[in-house]
Amino acid sequence: MYPPGIADGLRARGHDTVAVVERPDLRNMSDAEVFAAAQSEQRTVVTENVPDFVPIANDYDAAGQAHHGLVLVHARKYTRGKPRTIGAMVAALDALASRHPADDATSMREWL
């Protein structure tokens, strides 16, 4: 959903981050497949697609299967077309990552 500049900015701050658009293997996957791929790589999913990703995370929770987190983004607060969105999201995600250990599957959910 977001430009790869956000992943670039997070990598510049030392985070192991990828954007779906950077990975041809992820681009045509369903949301459930993207979430599963993120879990296999111990990654948190960042999305504004709440209606699709929350039920996927709920399914993991219901099955007692911990996941590496879901960051839900308010589309009005972080508008994709605005130039300042990249910097604002990088700062917010960097701060969030500093509060959560990278390798823990804690099924965290956070809102930006």
PDB file of N, CA and C in Angstrom:
ATOM      1  N   MET A   1       0.805  -1.193   0.000  1.00  0.00           N
ATOM      2  CA  MET A   1       0.000   0.000   0.000  1.00  0.00           C
ATOM      3  C   MET A   1       0.852   1.263   0.000  1.00  0.00           C
ATOM      4  N   TYR A   2       2.015   1.179   0.550  1.00  0.00           N
ATOM      5  CA  TYR A   2       2.824   2.372   0.745  1.00  0.00           C
ATOM      6  C   TYR A   2       4.061   2.338  -0.141  1.00  0.00           C
ATOM      7  N   PRO A   3       4.605   3.509  -0.440  1.00  0.00           N
ATOM      8  CA  PRO A   3       5.785   3.565  -1.300  1.00  0.00           C
ATOM      9  C   PRO A   3       6.999   2.931  -0.611  1.00  0.00           C
ATOM     10  N   PRO A   4       7.911   2.404  -1.407  1.00  0.00           N
ATOM     11  CA  PRO A   4       9.093   1.759  -0.822  1.00  0.00           C
ATOM     12  C   PRO A   4       9.988   2.734  -0.068  1.00  0.00           C
ATOM     13  N   GLY A   5       9.771   4.027  -0.213  1.00  0.00           N
ATOM     14  CA  GLY A   5      10.544   5.011   0.539  1.00  0.00           C
ATOM     15  C   GLY A   5      10.398   4.849   2.041  1.00  0.00           C
ATOM     16  N   ILE A   6       9.268   4.327   2.478  1.00  0.00           N
ATOM     17  CA  ILE A   6       9.078   4.079   3.910  1.00  0.00           C
ATOM     18  C   ILE A   6      10.006   2.957   4.361  1.00  0.00           C
ATOM     19  N   ALA A   7      10.057   1.885   3.598  1.00  0.00           N
ATOM     20  CA  ALA A   7      10.977   0.790   3.932  1.00  0.00           C
ATOM     21  C   ALA A   7      12.423   1.276   3.857  1.00  0.00           C
ATOM     22  N   ASP A   8      12.731   2.093   2.850  1.00  0.00           N
ATOM     23  CA  ASP A   8      14.085   2.652   2.732  1.00  0.00           C
ATOM     24  C   ASP A   8      14.443   3.451   3.979  1.00  0.00           C
ATOM     25  N   GLY A   9      13.531   4.307   4.418  1.00  0.00           N
ATOM     26  CA  GLY A   9      13.774   5.126   5.598  1.00  0.00           C
ATOM     27  C   GLY A   9      13.965   4.296   6.852  1.00  0.00           C
ATOM     28  N   LEU A  10      13.200   3.233   6.982  1.00  0.00           N
ATOM     29  CA  LEU A  10      13.349   2.358   8.148  1.00  0.00           C
ATOM     30  C   LEU A  10      14.657   1.573   8.090  1.00  0.00           C
ATOM     31  N   ARG A  11      15.042   1.129   6.905  1.00  0.00           N
ATOM     32  CA  ARG A  11      16.336   0.442   6.771  1.00  0.00           C
ATOM     33  C   ARG A  11      17.477   1.388   7.134  1.00  0.00           C
ATOM     34  N   ALA A  12      17.359   2.652   6.751  1.00  0.00           N
ATOM     35  CA  ALA A  12      18.390   3.640   7.081  1.00  0.00           C
ATOM     36  C   ALA A  12      18.513   3.824   8.596  1.00  0.00           C
ATOM     37  N   ARG A  13      17.450   3.501   9.315  1.00  0.00           N
ATOM     38  CA  ARG A  13      17.471   3.597  10.779  1.00  0.00           C
ATOM     39  C   ARG A  13      17.791   2.250  11.422  1.00  0.00           C
ATOM     40  N   GLY A  14      18.203   1.284  10.606  1.00  0.00           N
ATOM     41  CA  GLY A  14      18.663   0.000  11.137  1.00  0.00           C
ATOM     42  C   GLY A  14      17.631  -1.098  11.248  1.00  0.00           C
ATOM     43  N   HIS A  15      16.460  -0.911  10.659  1.00  0.00           N
ATOM     44  CA  HIS A  15      15.414  -1.930  10.744  1.00  0.00           C
ATOM     45  C   HIS A  15      15.435  -2.832   9.509  1.00  0.00           C
ATOM     46  N   ASP A  16      15.196  -4.112   9.725  1.00  0.00           N
ATOM     47  CA  ASP A  16      15.105  -5.089   8.639  1.00  0.00           C
ATOM     48  C   ASP A  16      13.682  -5.022   8.091  1.00  0.00           C
ATOM     49  N   THR A  17      13.499  -4.228   7.061  1.00  0.00           N
ATOM     50  CA  THR A  17      12.165  -3.906   6.562  1.00  0.00           C
ATOM     51  C   THR A  17      12.089  -4.114   5.055  1.00  0.00           C
ATOM     52  N   VAL A  18      10.940  -4.584   4.580  1.00  0.00           N
ATOM     53  CA  VAL A  18      10.694  -4.675   3.143  1.00  0.00           C
ATOM     54  C   VAL A  18       9.294  -4.153   2.844  1.00  0.00           C
ATOM     55  N   ALA A  19       9.139  -3.661   1.639  1.00  0.00           N
ATOM     56  CA  ALA A  19       7.820  -3.272   1.150  1.00  0.00           C
ATOM     57  C   ALA A  19       7.360  -4.336   0.165  1.00  0.00           C
ATOM     58  N   VAL A  20       6.092  -4.631   0.176  1.00  0.00           N
ATOM     59  CA  VAL A  20       5.558  -5.640  -0.742  1.00  0.00           C
ATOM     60  C   VAL A  20       5.926  -5.303  -2.184  1.00  0.00           C
ATOM     61  N   VAL A  21       5.889  -4.021  -2.542  1.00  0.00           N
ATOM     62  CA  VAL A  21       6.182  -3.630  -3.926  1.00  0.00           C
ATOM     63  C   VAL A  21       7.623  -3.895  -4.317  1.00  0.00           C
ATOM     64  N   GLU A  22       8.503  -4.089  -3.346  1.00  0.00           N
ATOM     65  CA  GLU A  22       9.905  -4.412  -3.631  1.00  0.00           C
ATOM     66  C   GLU A  22      10.113  -5.894  -3.910  1.00  0.00           C
ATOM     67  N   ARG A  23       9.134  -6.689  -3.590  1.00  0.00           N
ATOM     68  CA  ARG A  23       9.274  -8.147  -3.675  1.00  0.00           C
ATOM     69  C   ARG A  23       8.303  -8.718  -4.694  1.00  0.00           C
ATOM     70  N   PRO A  24       8.777  -9.032  -5.899  1.00  0.00           N
ATOM     71  CA  PRO A  24       7.889  -9.600  -6.919  1.00  0.00           C
ATOM     72  C   PRO A  24       7.145 -10.843  -6.440  1.00  0.00           C
ATOM     73  N   ASP A  25       7.758 -11.624  -5.554  1.00  0.00           N
ATOM     74  CA  ASP A  25       7.108 -12.838  -5.060  1.00  0.00           C
ATOM     75  C   ASP A  25       5.893 -12.532  -4.184  1.00  0.00           C
ATOM     76  N   LEU A  26       5.802 -11.325  -3.644  1.00  0.00           N
ATOM     77  CA  LEU A  26       4.683 -10.964  -2.774  1.00  0.00           C
ATOM     78  C   LEU A  26       3.586 -10.168  -3.478  1.00  0.00           C
ATOM     79  N   ARG A  27       3.912  -9.554  -4.588  1.00  0.00           N
ATOM     80  CA  ARG A  27       3.000  -8.595  -5.219  1.00  0.00           C
ATOM     81  C   ARG A  27       1.630  -9.150  -5.582  1.00  0.00           C
ATOM     82  N   ASN A  28       1.549 -10.369  -6.037  1.00  0.00           N
ATOM     83  CA  ASN A  28       0.264 -10.914  -6.487  1.00  0.00           C
ATOM     84  C   ASN A  28      -0.367 -11.872  -5.487  1.00  0.00           C
ATOM     85  N   MET A  29       0.148 -11.868  -4.277  1.00  0.00           N
ATOM     86  CA  MET A  29      -0.417 -12.755  -3.251  1.00  0.00           C
ATOM     87  C   MET A  29      -1.686 -12.153  -2.663  1.00  0.00           C
ATOM     88  N   SER A  30      -2.523 -13.025  -2.152  1.00  0.00           N
ATOM     89  CA  SER A  30      -3.695 -12.571  -1.400  1.00  0.00           C
ATOM     90  C   SER A  30      -3.215 -11.990  -0.073  1.00  0.00           C
ATOM     91  N   ASP A  31      -4.100 -11.278   0.598  1.00  0.00           N
ATOM     92  CA  ASP A  31      -3.750 -10.708   1.897  1.00  0.00           C
ATOM     93  C   ASP A  31      -3.353 -11.805   2.886  1.00  0.00           C
ATOM     94  N   ALA A  32      -4.077 -12.904   2.887  1.00  0.00           N
ATOM     95  CA  ALA A  32      -3.756 -14.006   3.800  1.00  0.00           C
ATOM     96  C   ALA A  32      -2.372 -14.577   3.493  1.00  0.00           C
ATOM     97  N   GLU A  33      -2.033 -14.657   2.224  1.00  0.00           N
ATOM     98  CA  GLU A  33      -0.711 -15.170   1.841  1.00  0.00           C
ATOM     99  C   GLU A  33       0.393 -14.186   2.236  1.00  0.00           C
ATOM    100  N   VAL A  34       0.141 -12.896   2.073  1.00  0.00           N
ATOM    101  CA  VAL A  34       1.120 -11.881   2.492  1.00  0.00           C
ATOM    102  C   VAL A  34       1.327 -11.968   4.004  1.00  0.00           C
ATOM    103  N   PHE A  35       0.249 -12.097   4.759  1.00  0.00           N
ATOM    104  CA  PHE A  35       0.359 -12.200   6.214  1.00  0.00           C
ATOM    105  C   PHE A  35       1.143 -13.452   6.595  1.00  0.00           C
ATOM    106  N   ALA A  36       0.856 -14.568   5.962  1.00  0.00           N
ATOM    107  CA  ALA A  36       1.581 -15.818   6.253  1.00  0.00           C
ATOM    108  C   ALA A  36       3.062 -15.686   5.902  1.00  0.00           C
ATOM    109  N   ALA A  37       3.359 -15.059   4.766  1.00  0.00           N
ATOM    110  CA  ALA A  37       4.757 -14.848   4.386  1.00  0.00           C
ATOM    111  C   ALA A  37       5.465 -13.975   5.408  1.00  0.00           C
ATOM    112  N   ALA A  38       4.782 -12.948   5.884  1.00  0.00           N
ATOM    113  CA  ALA A  38       5.364 -12.077   6.911  1.00  0.00           C
ATOM    114  C   ALA A  38       5.663 -12.876   8.175  1.00  0.00           C
ATOM    115  N   GLN A  39       4.776 -13.767   8.539  1.00  0.00           N
ATOM    116  CA  GLN A  39       5.000 -14.563   9.744  1.00  0.00           C
ATOM    117  C   GLN A  39       6.199 -15.499   9.567  1.00  0.00           C
ATOM    118  N   SER A  40       6.325 -16.083   8.401  1.00  0.00           N
ATOM    119  CA  SER A  40       7.457 -16.992   8.172  1.00  0.00           C
ATOM    120  C   SER A  40       8.794 -16.243   8.182  1.00  0.00           C
ATOM    121  N   GLU A  41       8.752 -14.939   7.905  1.00  0.00           N
ATOM    122  CA  GLU A  41       9.966 -14.114   7.923  1.00  0.00           C
ATOM    123  C   GLU A  41      10.076 -13.289   9.206  1.00  0.00           C
ATOM    124  N   GLN A  42       9.204 -13.550  10.168  1.00  0.00           N
ATOM    125  CA  GLN A  42       9.164 -12.845  11.445  1.00  0.00           C
ATOM    126  C   GLN A  42       9.025 -11.336  11.255  1.00  0.00           C
ATOM    127  N   ARG A  43       8.049 -10.948  10.429  1.00  0.00           N
ATOM    128  CA  ARG A  43       7.812  -9.538  10.134  1.00  0.00           C
ATOM    129  C   ARG A  43       6.424  -9.119  10.605  1.00  0.00           C
ATOM    130  N   THR A  44       6.316  -7.854  10.927  1.00  0.00           N
ATOM    131  CA  THR A  44       5.041  -7.234  11.266  1.00  0.00           C
ATOM    132  C   THR A  44       4.448  -6.655   9.988  1.00  0.00           C
ATOM    133  N   VAL A  45       3.159  -6.775   9.819  1.00  0.00           N
ATOM    134  CA  VAL A  45       2.474  -6.213   8.654  1.00  0.00           C
ATOM    135  C   VAL A  45       1.981  -4.810   9.013  1.00  0.00           C
ATOM    136  N   VAL A  46       2.254  -3.859   8.131  1.00  0.00           N
ATOM    137  CA  VAL A  46       1.783  -2.488   8.280  1.00  0.00           C
ATOM    138  C   VAL A  46       0.778  -2.240   7.159  1.00  0.00           C
ATOM    139  N   THR A  47      -0.455  -1.876   7.525  1.00  0.00           N
ATOM    140  CA  THR A  47      -1.495  -1.734   6.512  1.00  0.00           C
ATOM    141  C   THR A  47      -2.606  -0.799   6.972  1.00  0.00           C
ATOM    142  N   GLU A  48      -3.269  -0.201   6.009  1.00  0.00           N
ATOM    143  CA  GLU A  48      -4.507   0.519   6.322  1.00  0.00           C
ATOM    144  C   GLU A  48      -5.712  -0.332   5.933  1.00  0.00           C
ATOM    145  N   ASN A  49      -5.458  -1.522   5.431  1.00  0.00           N
ATOM    146  CA  ASN A  49      -6.515  -2.437   5.011  1.00  0.00           C
ATOM    147  C   ASN A  49      -7.038  -3.219   6.225  1.00  0.00           C
ATOM    148  N   VAL A  50      -7.686  -2.506   7.104  1.00  0.00           N
ATOM    149  CA  VAL A  50      -8.206  -3.073   8.344  1.00  0.00           C
ATOM    150  C   VAL A  50      -9.245  -4.162   8.088  1.00  0.00           C
ATOM    151  N   PRO A  51     -10.207  -3.945   7.167  1.00  0.00           N
ATOM    152  CA  PRO A  51     -11.254  -4.964   6.972  1.00  0.00           C
ATOM    153  C   PRO A  51     -10.726  -6.333   6.542  1.00  0.00           C
ATOM    154  N   ASP A  52      -9.585  -6.377   5.873  1.00  0.00           N
ATOM    155  CA  ASP A  52      -9.050  -7.670   5.439  1.00  0.00           C
ATOM    156  C   ASP A  52      -8.054  -8.258   6.428  1.00  0.00           C
ATOM    157  N   PHE A  53      -7.171  -7.426   6.984  1.00  0.00           N
ATOM    158  CA  PHE A  53      -6.098  -7.972   7.806  1.00  0.00           C
ATOM    159  C   PHE A  53      -6.498  -8.267   9.246  1.00  0.00           C
ATOM    160  N   VAL A  54      -7.436  -7.541   9.816  1.00  0.00           N
ATOM    161  CA  VAL A  54      -7.854  -7.840  11.188  1.00  0.00           C
ATOM    162  C   VAL A  54      -8.467  -9.238  11.273  1.00  0.00           C
ATOM    163  N   PRO A  55      -9.361  -9.633  10.371  1.00  0.00           N
ATOM    164  CA  PRO A  55      -9.876 -11.004  10.448  1.00  0.00           C
ATOM    165  C   PRO A  55      -8.788 -12.072  10.281  1.00  0.00           C
ATOM    166  N   ILE A  56      -7.789 -11.794   9.469  1.00  0.00           N
ATOM    167  CA  ILE A  56      -6.689 -12.749   9.306  1.00  0.00           C
ATOM    168  C   ILE A  56      -5.944 -12.903  10.635  1.00  0.00           C
ATOM    169  N   ALA A  57      -5.628 -11.780  11.270  1.00  0.00           N
ATOM    170  CA  ALA A  57      -4.961 -11.833  12.573  1.00  0.00           C
ATOM    171  C   ALA A  57      -5.855 -12.489  13.618  1.00  0.00           C
ATOM    172  N   ASN A  58      -7.159 -12.217  13.553  1.00  0.00           N
ATOM    173  CA  ASN A  58      -8.102 -12.853  14.481  1.00  0.00           C
ATOM    174  C   ASN A  58      -8.085 -14.370  14.327  1.00  0.00           C
ATOM    175  N   ASP A  59      -7.972 -14.846  13.090  1.00  0.00           N
ATOM    176  CA  ASP A  59      -7.909 -16.295  12.845  1.00  0.00           C
ATOM    177  C   ASP A  59      -6.666 -16.902  13.499  1.00  0.00           C
ATOM    178  N   TYR A  60      -5.540 -16.219  13.383  1.00  0.00           N
ATOM    179  CA  TYR A  60      -4.321 -16.694  14.047  1.00  0.00           C
ATOM    180  C   TYR A  60      -4.538 -16.748  15.558  1.00  0.00           C
ATOM    181  N   ASP A  61      -5.110 -15.671  16.104  1.00  0.00           N
ATOM    182  CA  ASP A  61      -5.356 -15.614  17.546  1.00  0.00           C
ATOM    183  C   ASP A  61      -6.290 -16.737  17.989  1.00  0.00           C
ATOM    184  N   ALA A  62      -7.365 -16.954  17.244  1.00  0.00           N
ATOM    185  CA  ALA A  62      -8.344 -17.986  17.599  1.00  0.00           C
ATOM    186  C   ALA A  62      -7.736 -19.382  17.565  1.00  0.00           C
ATOM    187  N   ALA A  63      -6.757 -19.570  16.692  1.00  0.00           N
ATOM    188  CA  ALA A  63      -6.089 -20.866  16.582  1.00  0.00           C
ATOM    189  C   ALA A  63      -4.950 -21.007  17.597  1.00  0.00           C
ATOM    190  N   GLY A  64      -4.745 -19.962  18.412  1.00  0.00           N
ATOM    191  CA  GLY A  64      -3.665 -20.005  19.385  1.00  0.00           C
ATOM    192  C   GLY A  64      -2.296 -19.897  18.745  1.00  0.00           C
ATOM    193  N   GLN A  65      -2.269 -19.308  17.570  1.00  0.00           N
ATOM    194  CA  GLN A  65      -1.037 -19.186  16.792  1.00  0.00           C
ATOM    195  C   GLN A  65      -0.542 -17.743  16.875  1.00  0.00           C
ATOM    196  N   ALA A  66       0.530 -17.534  17.626  1.00  0.00           N
ATOM    197  CA  ALA A  66       1.071 -16.185  17.773  1.00  0.00           C
ATOM    198  C   ALA A  66       1.592 -15.683  16.433  1.00  0.00           C
ATOM    199  N   HIS A  67       1.484 -14.374  16.239  1.00  0.00           N
ATOM    200  CA  HIS A  67       2.012 -13.767  15.015  1.00  0.00           C
ATOM    201  C   HIS A  67       2.892 -12.585  15.389  1.00  0.00           C
ATOM    202  N   HIS A  68       3.578 -12.047  14.409  1.00  0.00           N
ATOM    203  CA  HIS A  68       4.568 -10.993  14.641  1.00  0.00           C
ATOM    204  C   HIS A  68       3.988  -9.597  14.559  1.00  0.00           C
ATOM    205  N   GLY A  69       2.717  -9.490  14.614  1.00  0.00           N
ATOM    206  CA  GLY A  69       2.095  -8.195  14.780  1.00  0.00           C
ATOM    207  C   GLY A  69       1.456  -7.601  13.549  1.00  0.00           C
ATOM    208  N   LEU A  70       0.604  -6.648  13.848  1.00  0.00           N
ATOM    209  CA  LEU A  70      -0.160  -5.952  12.832  1.00  0.00           C
ATOM    210  C   LEU A  70      -0.209  -4.483  13.239  1.00  0.00           C
ATOM    211  N   VAL A  71       0.279  -3.626  12.365  1.00  0.00           N
ATOM    212  CA  VAL A  71       0.198  -2.190  12.587  1.00  0.00           C
ATOM    213  C   VAL A  71      -0.855  -1.649  11.638  1.00  0.00           C
ATOM    214  N   LEU A  72      -1.895  -1.102  12.212  1.00  0.00           N
ATOM    215  CA  LEU A  72      -3.025  -0.590  11.441  1.00  0.00           C
ATOM    216  C   LEU A  72      -2.878   0.916  11.328  1.00  0.00           C
ATOM    217  N   VAL A  73      -2.994   1.409  10.114  1.00  0.00           N
ATOM    218  CA  VAL A  73      -2.721   2.816   9.839  1.00  0.00           C
ATOM    219  C   VAL A  73      -4.020   3.554   9.526  1.00  0.00           C
ATOM    220  N   HIS A  74      -4.218   4.689  10.207  1.00  0.00           N
ATOM    221  CA  HIS A  74      -5.352   5.557   9.899  1.00  0.00           C
ATOM    222  C   HIS A  74      -5.059   6.249   8.561  1.00  0.00           C
ATOM    223  N   ALA A  75      -5.862   5.972   7.558  1.00  0.00           N
ATOM    224  CA  ALA A  75      -5.627   6.516   6.215  1.00  0.00           C
ATOM    225  C   ALA A  75      -5.703   8.038   6.187  1.00  0.00           C
ATOM    226  N   ARG A  76      -6.536   8.624   7.006  1.00  0.00           N
ATOM    227  CA  ARG A  76      -6.636  10.093   7.023  1.00  0.00           C
ATOM    228  C   ARG A  76      -5.422  10.734   7.683  1.00  0.00           C
ATOM    229  N   LYS A  77      -4.858  10.051   8.647  1.00  0.00           N
ATOM    230  CA  LYS A  77      -3.700  10.583   9.359  1.00  0.00           C
ATOM    231  C   LYS A  77      -2.423  10.450   8.526  1.00  0.00           C
ATOM    232  N   TYR A  78      -2.315   9.372   7.772  1.00  0.00           N
ATOM    233  CA  TYR A  78      -1.148   9.100   6.934  1.00  0.00           C
ATOM    234  C   TYR A  78      -1.612   8.915   5.492  1.00  0.00           C
ATOM    235  N   THR A  79      -1.968   9.980   4.857  1.00  0.00           N
ATOM    236  CA  THR A  79      -2.481   9.934   3.490  1.00  0.00           C
ATOM    237  C   THR A  79      -1.363   9.578   2.525  1.00  0.00           C
ATOM    238  N   ARG A  80      -1.581   8.551   1.736  1.00  0.00           N
ATOM    239  CA  ARG A  80      -0.537   8.046   0.844  1.00  0.00           C
ATOM    240  C   ARG A  80      -0.046   9.063  -0.171  1.00  0.00           C
ATOM    241  N   GLY A  81      -0.870   9.964  -0.631  1.00  0.00           N
ATOM    242  CA  GLY A  81      -0.466  10.897  -1.673  1.00  0.00           C
ATOM    243  C   GLY A  81       0.264  12.141  -1.189  1.00  0.00           C
ATOM    244  N   LYS A  82       0.354  12.322   0.109  1.00  0.00           N
ATOM    245  CA  LYS A  82       0.987  13.532   0.641  1.00  0.00           C
ATOM    246  C   LYS A  82       2.496  13.326   0.812  1.00  0.00           C
ATOM    247  N   PRO A  83       3.293  14.308   0.403  1.00  0.00           N
ATOM    248  CA  PRO A  83       4.752  14.173   0.489  1.00  0.00           C
ATOM    249  C   PRO A  83       5.277  13.933   1.907  1.00  0.00           C
ATOM    250  N   ARG A  84       4.631  14.507   2.915  1.00  0.00           N
ATOM    251  CA  ARG A  84       5.130  14.354   4.282  1.00  0.00           C
ATOM    252  C   ARG A  84       4.794  13.004   4.898  1.00  0.00           C
ATOM    253  N   THR A  85       3.975  12.217   4.249  1.00  0.00           N
ATOM    254  CA  THR A  85       3.564  10.933   4.815  1.00  0.00           C
ATOM    255  C   THR A  85       4.746   9.998   5.017  1.00  0.00           C
ATOM    256  N   ILE A  86       5.657   9.936   4.069  1.00  0.00           N
ATOM    257  CA  ILE A  86       6.784   9.008   4.191  1.00  0.00           C
ATOM    258  C   ILE A  86       7.576   9.302   5.456  1.00  0.00           C
ATOM    259  N   GLY A  87       7.990  10.535   5.636  1.00  0.00           N
ATOM    260  CA  GLY A  87       8.775  10.879   6.820  1.00  0.00           C
ATOM    261  C   GLY A  87       8.015  10.657   8.113  1.00  0.00           C
ATOM    262  N   ALA A  88       6.738  11.003   8.109  1.00  0.00           N
ATOM    263  CA  ALA A  88       5.922  10.830   9.308  1.00  0.00           C
ATOM    264  C   ALA A  88       5.757   9.355   9.659  1.00  0.00           C
ATOM    265  N   MET A  89       5.546   8.524   8.653  1.00  0.00           N
ATOM    266  CA  MET A  89       5.395   7.092   8.916  1.00  0.00           C
ATOM    267  C   MET A  89       6.710   6.466   9.356  1.00  0.00           C
ATOM    268  N   VAL A  90       7.812   6.880   8.733  1.00  0.00           N
ATOM    269  CA  VAL A  90       9.115   6.352   9.144  1.00  0.00           C
ATOM    270  C   VAL A  90       9.355   6.672  10.617  1.00  0.00           C
ATOM    271  N   ALA A  91       9.109   7.905  11.014  1.00  0.00           N
ATOM    272  CA  ALA A  91       9.314   8.290  12.414  1.00  0.00           C
ATOM    273  C   ALA A  91       8.401   7.502  13.352  1.00  0.00           C
ATOM    274  N   ALA A  92       7.137   7.366  12.992  1.00  0.00           N
ATOM    275  CA  ALA A  92       6.182   6.656  13.845  1.00  0.00           C
ATOM    276  C   ALA A  92       6.515   5.167  13.940  1.00  0.00           C
ATOM    277  N   LEU A  93       6.862   4.553  12.818  1.00  0.00           N
ATOM    278  CA  LEU A  93       7.191   3.122  12.828  1.00  0.00           C
ATOM    279  C   LEU A  93       8.510   2.856  13.534  1.00  0.00           C
ATOM    280  N   ASP A  94       9.475   3.763  13.396  1.00  0.00           N
ATOM    281  CA  ASP A  94      10.744   3.633  14.110  1.00  0.00           C
ATOM    282  C   ASP A  94      10.492   3.667  15.615  1.00  0.00           C
ATOM    283  N   ALA A  95       9.679   4.602  16.063  1.00  0.00           N
ATOM    284  CA  ALA A  95       9.358   4.696  17.489  1.00  0.00           C
ATOM    285  C   ALA A  95       8.637   3.441  17.977  1.00  0.00           C
ATOM    286  N   LEU A  96       7.713   2.941  17.176  1.00  0.00           N
ATOM    287  CA  LEU A  96       6.981   1.729  17.536  1.00  0.00           C
ATOM    288  C   LEU A  96       7.921   0.532  17.612  1.00  0.00           C
ATOM    289  N   ALA A  97       8.801   0.398  16.647  1.00  0.00           N
ATOM    290  CA  ALA A  97       9.742  -0.729  16.628  1.00  0.00           C
ATOM    291  C   ALA A  97      10.670  -0.701  17.838  1.00  0.00           C
ATOM    292  N   SER A  98      10.987   0.480  18.318  1.00  0.00           N
ATOM    293  CA  SER A  98      11.875   0.565  19.477  1.00  0.00           C
ATOM    294  C   SER A  98      11.194   0.066  20.750  1.00  0.00           C
ATOM    295  N   ARG A  99       9.859   0.024  20.741  1.00  0.00           N
ATOM    296  CA  ARG A  99       9.105  -0.444  21.913  1.00  0.00           C
ATOM    297  C   ARG A  99       8.797  -1.937  21.870  1.00  0.00           C
ATOM    298  N   HIS A 100       9.037  -2.587  20.731  1.00  0.00           N
ATOM    299  CA  HIS A 100       8.693  -4.004  20.589  1.00  0.00           C
ATOM    300  C   HIS A 100       9.895  -4.789  20.077  1.00  0.00           C
ATOM    301  N   PRO A 101      10.315  -5.814  20.792  1.00  0.00           N
ATOM    302  CA  PRO A 101      11.428  -6.641  20.315  1.00  0.00           C
ATOM    303  C   PRO A 101      11.118  -7.252  18.954  1.00  0.00           C
ATOM    304  N   ALA A 102      12.100  -7.275  18.091  1.00  0.00           N
ATOM    305  CA  ALA A 102      11.900  -7.693  16.700  1.00  0.00           C
ATOM    306  C   ALA A 102      11.525  -9.162  16.548  1.00  0.00           C
ATOM    307  N   ASP A 103      12.030 -10.027  17.378  1.00  0.00           N
ATOM    308  CA  ASP A 103      11.845 -11.457  17.149  1.00  0.00           C
ATOM    309  C   ASP A 103      10.697 -12.082  17.937  1.00  0.00           C
ATOM    310  N   ASP A 104      10.041 -11.322  18.775  1.00  0.00           N
ATOM    311  CA  ASP A 104       8.972 -11.880  19.588  1.00  0.00           C
ATOM    312  C   ASP A 104       7.656 -11.943  18.820  1.00  0.00           C
ATOM    313  N   ALA A 105       7.048 -13.111  18.814  1.00  0.00           N
ATOM    314  CA  ALA A 105       5.729 -13.281  18.214  1.00  0.00           C
ATOM    315  C   ALA A 105       4.704 -13.067  19.323  1.00  0.00           C
ATOM    316  N   THR A 106       4.305 -11.834  19.509  1.00  0.00           N
ATOM    317  CA  THR A 106       3.418 -11.492  20.621  1.00  0.00           C
ATOM    318  C   THR A 106       2.005 -11.160  20.170  1.00  0.00           C
ATOM    319  N   SER A 107       1.748 -11.290  18.883  1.00  0.00           N
ATOM    320  CA  SER A 107       0.435 -10.978  18.321  1.00  0.00           C
ATOM    321  C   SER A 107       0.008  -9.547  18.613  1.00  0.00           C
ATOM    322  N   MET A 108       0.982  -8.644  18.698  1.00  0.00           N
ATOM    323  CA  MET A 108       0.657  -7.256  18.994  1.00  0.00           C
ATOM    324  C   MET A 108      -0.132  -6.619  17.864  1.00  0.00           C
ATOM    325  N   ARG A 109      -0.948  -5.677  18.283  1.00  0.00           N
ATOM    326  CA  ARG A 109      -1.692  -4.848  17.334  1.00  0.00           C
ATOM    327  C   ARG A 109      -1.558  -3.416  17.802  1.00  0.00           C
ATOM    328  N   GLU A 110      -1.199  -2.575  16.883  1.00  0.00           N
ATOM    329  CA  GLU A 110      -1.016  -1.157  17.202  1.00  0.00           C
ATOM    330  C   GLU A 110      -1.678  -0.332  16.109  1.00  0.00           C
ATOM    331  N   TRP A 111      -2.107   0.852  16.493  1.00  0.00           N
ATOM    332  CA  TRP A 111      -2.657   1.815  15.538  1.00  0.00           C
ATOM    333  C   TRP A 111      -1.674   2.970  15.385  1.00  0.00           C
ATOM    334  N   LEU A 112      -1.485   3.391  14.150  1.00  0.00           N
ATOM    335  CA  LEU A 112      -0.753   4.635  13.881  1.00  0.00           C
ATOM    336  C   LEU A 112      -1.777   5.683  13.508  1.00  0.00           C
TER     337      LEU A 112
END
